[in-house]
Amino acid sequence: MNTLWAPFVLLNIGCTGRVLLQVLTDFVPKVAYPLIGFTGFIELTALTWWGIELWRTMNVAKTSRTKLLTAPFPLPAQ
């Protein structure tokens, strides 16, 4: 399974929860306001997870790069 599905789902849950709770602040503010912070934490967790996976992917690409970039390039004819 791809490791980026979990942060994708968490980000969507956090975003959906935030939108729903912001609507609920008009009707039950004492319940909705404390939970809005938790949805932000869920989104922050998802973005951190995604950033770590992105960093790992870029780091692996750097170490397993082929020798193509170190090969001498042909000079244009003059």
N, C-alpha and C. Protein backbone atom coordinates (compact mmCIF):
# COMPACT_ATOMS: atom_id res chain seq x y z
N MET A 1 0.85 -1.19 0.00
CA MET A 1 0.00 0.00 0.00
C MET A 1 0.88 1.24 0.00
N ASN A 2 0.47 2.23 -0.74
CA ASN A 2 1.23 3.48 -0.81
C ASN A 2 1.19 4.17 0.55
N THR A 3 2.32 4.69 0.98
CA THR A 3 2.41 5.31 2.30
C THR A 3 1.76 6.69 2.35
N LEU A 4 1.33 7.23 1.23
CA LEU A 4 0.72 8.56 1.24
C LEU A 4 -0.81 8.54 1.32
N TRP A 5 -1.42 7.36 1.36
CA TRP A 5 -2.87 7.29 1.50
C TRP A 5 -3.32 7.77 2.87
N ALA A 6 -2.60 7.40 3.90
CA ALA A 6 -3.00 7.78 5.27
C ALA A 6 -2.98 9.30 5.46
N PRO A 7 -1.91 10.01 5.08
CA PRO A 7 -1.97 11.47 5.23
C PRO A 7 -3.03 12.11 4.34
N PHE A 8 -3.30 11.53 3.18
CA PHE A 8 -4.35 12.04 2.31
C PHE A 8 -5.71 11.94 2.99
N VAL A 9 -5.98 10.79 3.59
CA VAL A 9 -7.25 10.59 4.29
C VAL A 9 -7.33 11.51 5.51
N LEU A 10 -6.24 11.61 6.27
CA LEU A 10 -6.24 12.48 7.44
C LEU A 10 -6.48 13.94 7.06
N LEU A 11 -5.86 14.38 6.00
CA LEU A 11 -6.04 15.77 5.57
C LEU A 11 -7.49 16.03 5.18
N ASN A 12 -8.10 15.08 4.49
CA ASN A 12 -9.50 15.25 4.10
C ASN A 12 -10.44 15.20 5.29
N ILE A 13 -10.14 14.33 6.26
CA ILE A 13 -10.95 14.28 7.48
C ILE A 13 -10.84 15.59 8.24
N GLY A 14 -9.62 16.09 8.37
CA GLY A 14 -9.41 17.35 9.08
C GLY A 14 -10.11 18.52 8.40
N CYS A 15 -10.03 18.58 7.09
CA CYS A 15 -10.65 19.67 6.35
C CYS A 15 -12.17 19.58 6.43
N THR A 16 -12.71 18.39 6.25
CA THR A 16 -14.16 18.21 6.35
C THR A 16 -14.66 18.54 7.75
N GLY A 17 -13.92 18.06 8.75
CA GLY A 17 -14.30 18.36 10.13
C GLY A 17 -14.28 19.84 10.43
N ARG A 18 -13.29 20.53 9.92
CA ARG A 18 -13.19 21.98 10.15
C ARG A 18 -14.36 22.71 9.51
N VAL A 19 -14.71 22.37 8.30
CA VAL A 19 -15.83 23.03 7.62
C VAL A 19 -17.13 22.75 8.35
N LEU A 20 -17.37 21.51 8.71
CA LEU A 20 -18.60 21.18 9.42
C LEU A 20 -18.67 21.86 10.79
N LEU A 21 -17.55 21.89 11.48
CA LEU A 21 -17.56 22.52 12.80
C LEU A 21 -17.72 24.03 12.71
N GLN A 22 -17.20 24.64 11.66
CA GLN A 22 -17.40 26.08 11.51
C GLN A 22 -18.87 26.41 11.26
N VAL A 23 -19.57 25.54 10.56
CA VAL A 23 -21.00 25.74 10.38
C VAL A 23 -21.71 25.53 11.73
N LEU A 24 -21.27 24.54 12.48
CA LEU A 24 -21.91 24.25 13.77
C LEU A 24 -21.66 25.33 14.82
N THR A 25 -20.66 26.19 14.62
CA THR A 25 -20.44 27.26 15.60
C THR A 25 -21.63 28.22 15.68
N ASP A 26 -22.44 28.27 14.63
CA ASP A 26 -23.64 29.11 14.68
C ASP A 26 -24.73 28.50 15.57
N PHE A 27 -24.71 27.18 15.69
CA PHE A 27 -25.79 26.50 16.41
C PHE A 27 -25.39 26.01 17.80
N VAL A 28 -24.20 25.43 17.91
CA VAL A 28 -23.72 24.92 19.21
C VAL A 28 -22.26 25.36 19.41
N PRO A 29 -22.03 26.62 19.70
CA PRO A 29 -20.66 27.12 19.77
C PRO A 29 -19.83 26.49 20.90
N LYS A 30 -20.46 26.12 22.01
CA LYS A 30 -19.70 25.54 23.12
C LYS A 30 -19.16 24.16 22.79
N VAL A 31 -19.77 23.48 21.86
CA VAL A 31 -19.30 22.16 21.44
C VAL A 31 -18.32 22.29 20.26
N ALA A 32 -18.64 23.16 19.33
CA ALA A 32 -17.88 23.22 18.09
C ALA A 32 -16.52 23.89 18.24
N TYR A 33 -16.44 24.98 18.98
CA TYR A 33 -15.17 25.72 19.07
C TYR A 33 -14.01 24.89 19.62
N PRO A 34 -14.19 24.13 20.69
CA PRO A 34 -13.06 23.33 21.18
C PRO A 34 -12.59 22.26 20.19
N LEU A 35 -13.51 21.74 19.38
CA LEU A 35 -13.14 20.68 18.44
C LEU A 35 -12.45 21.20 17.19
N ILE A 36 -12.62 22.47 16.88
CA ILE A 36 -11.98 23.04 15.69
C ILE A 36 -10.46 22.94 15.82
N GLY A 37 -9.95 23.18 17.01
CA GLY A 37 -8.51 23.05 17.22
C GLY A 37 -8.00 21.65 16.96
N PHE A 38 -8.79 20.66 17.31
CA PHE A 38 -8.39 19.26 17.09
C PHE A 38 -8.32 18.95 15.59
N THR A 39 -9.25 19.50 14.81
CA THR A 39 -9.19 19.26 13.37
C THR A 39 -7.94 19.91 12.76
N GLY A 40 -7.54 21.04 13.31
CA GLY A 40 -6.28 21.65 12.85
C GLY A 40 -5.09 20.78 13.16
N PHE A 41 -5.12 20.13 14.33
CA PHE A 41 -4.05 19.21 14.70
C PHE A 41 -4.01 18.01 13.75
N ILE A 42 -5.18 17.52 13.36
CA ILE A 42 -5.24 16.40 12.41
C ILE A 42 -4.62 16.83 11.08
N GLU A 43 -4.96 18.02 10.60
CA GLU A 43 -4.40 18.50 9.34
C GLU A 43 -2.90 18.73 9.44
N LEU A 44 -2.45 19.27 10.56
CA LEU A 44 -1.01 19.48 10.75
C LEU A 44 -0.26 18.15 10.77
N THR A 45 -0.84 17.15 11.41
CA THR A 45 -0.23 15.82 11.43
C THR A 45 -0.12 15.25 10.01
N ALA A 46 -1.18 15.39 9.24
CA ALA A 46 -1.18 14.89 7.86
C ALA A 46 -0.13 15.60 7.01
N LEU A 47 -0.03 16.92 7.14
CA LEU A 47 0.96 17.66 6.35
C LEU A 47 2.38 17.35 6.77
N THR A 48 2.59 17.12 8.06
CA THR A 48 3.92 16.74 8.54
C THR A 48 4.30 15.37 8.00
N TRP A 49 3.37 14.43 8.06
CA TRP A 49 3.60 13.07 7.54
C TRP A 49 3.94 13.14 6.05
N TRP A 50 3.16 13.93 5.29
CA TRP A 50 3.40 14.06 3.86
C TRP A 50 4.77 14.68 3.60
N GLY A 51 5.14 15.69 4.38
CA GLY A 51 6.44 16.33 4.21
C GLY A 51 7.59 15.39 4.49
N ILE A 52 7.46 14.56 5.51
CA ILE A 52 8.51 13.59 5.83
C ILE A 52 8.65 12.58 4.70
N GLU A 53 7.52 12.10 4.17
CA GLU A 53 7.58 11.14 3.06
C GLU A 53 8.17 11.78 1.81
N LEU A 54 7.85 13.04 1.57
CA LEU A 54 8.43 13.76 0.43
C LEU A 54 9.93 13.90 0.60
N TRP A 55 10.37 14.25 1.80
CA TRP A 55 11.79 14.38 2.07
C TRP A 55 12.50 13.05 1.88
N ARG A 56 11.91 11.96 2.37
CA ARG A 56 12.52 10.64 2.19
C ARG A 56 12.62 10.26 0.73
N THR A 57 11.57 10.56 -0.03
CA THR A 57 11.59 10.24 -1.46
C THR A 57 12.67 11.03 -2.18
N MET A 58 12.80 12.30 -1.88
CA MET A 58 13.83 13.11 -2.51
C MET A 58 15.22 12.66 -2.07
N ASN A 59 15.36 12.25 -0.85
CA ASN A 59 16.64 11.78 -0.35
C ASN A 59 17.05 10.47 -1.02
N VAL A 60 16.12 9.57 -1.23
CA VAL A 60 16.42 8.31 -1.91
C VAL A 60 16.79 8.58 -3.36
N ALA A 61 16.08 9.49 -4.00
CA ALA A 61 16.38 9.81 -5.40
C ALA A 61 17.78 10.38 -5.53
N LYS A 62 18.22 11.12 -4.54
CA LYS A 62 19.55 11.71 -4.59
C LYS A 62 20.64 10.64 -4.47
N THR A 63 20.43 9.63 -3.65
CA THR A 63 21.46 8.62 -3.44
C THR A 63 21.46 7.54 -4.51
N SER A 64 20.35 7.33 -5.21
CA SER A 64 20.31 6.27 -6.21
C SER A 64 20.28 6.83 -7.64
N ARG A 65 20.73 8.03 -7.79
CA ARG A 65 20.76 8.67 -9.10
C ARG A 65 21.77 7.95 -10.01
N THR A 66 21.44 7.85 -11.25
CA THR A 66 22.36 7.21 -12.20
C THR A 66 23.53 8.14 -12.49
N LYS A 67 24.50 7.62 -13.16
CA LYS A 67 25.71 8.38 -13.48
C LYS A 67 25.52 9.29 -14.69
N LEU A 68 24.29 9.47 -15.12
CA LEU A 68 24.03 10.27 -16.30
C LEU A 68 24.53 11.70 -16.14
N LEU A 69 24.35 12.27 -14.96
CA LEU A 69 24.75 13.66 -14.77
C LEU A 69 26.26 13.84 -14.68
N THR A 70 26.98 12.78 -14.38
CA THR A 70 28.43 12.90 -14.27
C THR A 70 29.15 12.57 -15.58
N ALA A 71 28.40 12.09 -16.58
CA ALA A 71 29.01 11.77 -17.86
C ALA A 71 29.37 13.06 -18.59
N PRO A 72 30.46 13.05 -19.33
CA PRO A 72 30.84 14.27 -20.07
C PRO A 72 29.85 14.54 -21.19
N PHE A 73 29.46 15.79 -21.32
CA PHE A 73 28.56 16.18 -22.38
C PHE A 73 29.37 16.49 -23.63
N PRO A 74 28.86 16.11 -24.79
CA PRO A 74 29.59 16.46 -26.03
C PRO A 74 29.57 17.96 -26.26
N LEU A 75 30.67 18.48 -26.71
CA LEU A 75 30.77 19.89 -27.02
C LEU A 75 30.17 20.15 -28.39
N PRO A 76 29.49 21.25 -28.55
CA PRO A 76 28.93 21.55 -29.88
C PRO A 76 30.07 21.86 -30.87
N ALA A 77 29.84 21.51 -32.09
CA ALA A 77 30.85 21.75 -33.14
C ALA A 77 30.98 23.25 -33.38
N GLN A 78 32.21 23.67 -33.54
CA GLN A 78 32.46 25.11 -33.73
C GLN A 78 32.89 25.39 -35.15
